[in-house]
Every structure is written in C-alpha cells, then in structure tokens.
Amino acid sequence: QVQLVESGGGVVQAGGSLRLSCAASGRTFSSYVMAWFRQTPGKEREFVAGITKSGGNKYYADSVKGRFTISRDNVKNTVYLQMNSLKSEDTAAYYCAADRSRLTPGLTKAAYSAWGQGTQVTVSS
C-alpha cells in the first residue's frame, strides 16, 4: 500500500497562491490514480481535483476550475496542487488520496484506498 505525505500548506492572503505537494512511497506510484480532497469542520470531505495514472487527464470541482491545477511527476513520485487566486472559502484541510483499482479519479472519498495526513490551508481576507 502506498503511503502519502502532504506538504505546502500555510496561511496566505486572499488572491494569493500556494502549491501543495504529496510525496508517495514505493515504486508503483504510476499505477495509482491520484486526487486532492478538502475538508472543513463539520462538513464532508469533498473532491477538489483528480489526475489519471499517466497524468493525461485531469478533473476538477466546479468551485476550483480555472484557479487550481493538479499535476504529477511519476519519476519523483509526487502529485501537486497549484492553487491560484485563493479565496476565503478555500480554507480547509487538504488531503491527498490514491487508488490503483480505477482508471479515472473517483469523486467520493470511498473511491480511494490510501490517504495522507492532511495539510492546512488558511486564506485570510
């Protein structure tokens, strides 16, 4: 089972940018569909962005489309989330997720078998 470690969270002003990274252990990273989710207290964990195994197809939640970009480097075993034009409503804990049984990223947390510990993003207005 792959192990995931997120980094890059922090406090940023509205309109600013952050890049999250998720480093995966093991030699089979390229066999995993990867995704980013986020969660705020009292709410369900929600899909933010997903990417296929080769990186050829990317999927986004409507709320982040045009502002966030997901990418992956299968040599460095890392998936990234570039977040631009951040808004206060983007404040959340962000989680990296992986699954090798699918061809395309699932939109629910149940579709993923491995999770990172999360990294907090706080956008101040």
Foldseek 3Di string as FASTA:
>chain_A
DKAKAKDWADEEAAQAKTKMKIAIDDLPLLLKKKFKWWDDPPDFIWGAKTAFSVRPDIDGDPVQPPFWDWGDDSVRRMIMIIGGNDDQVVWTWMKMFIDNPDGTDDGHPVRGDYIYPTDTHGYHD
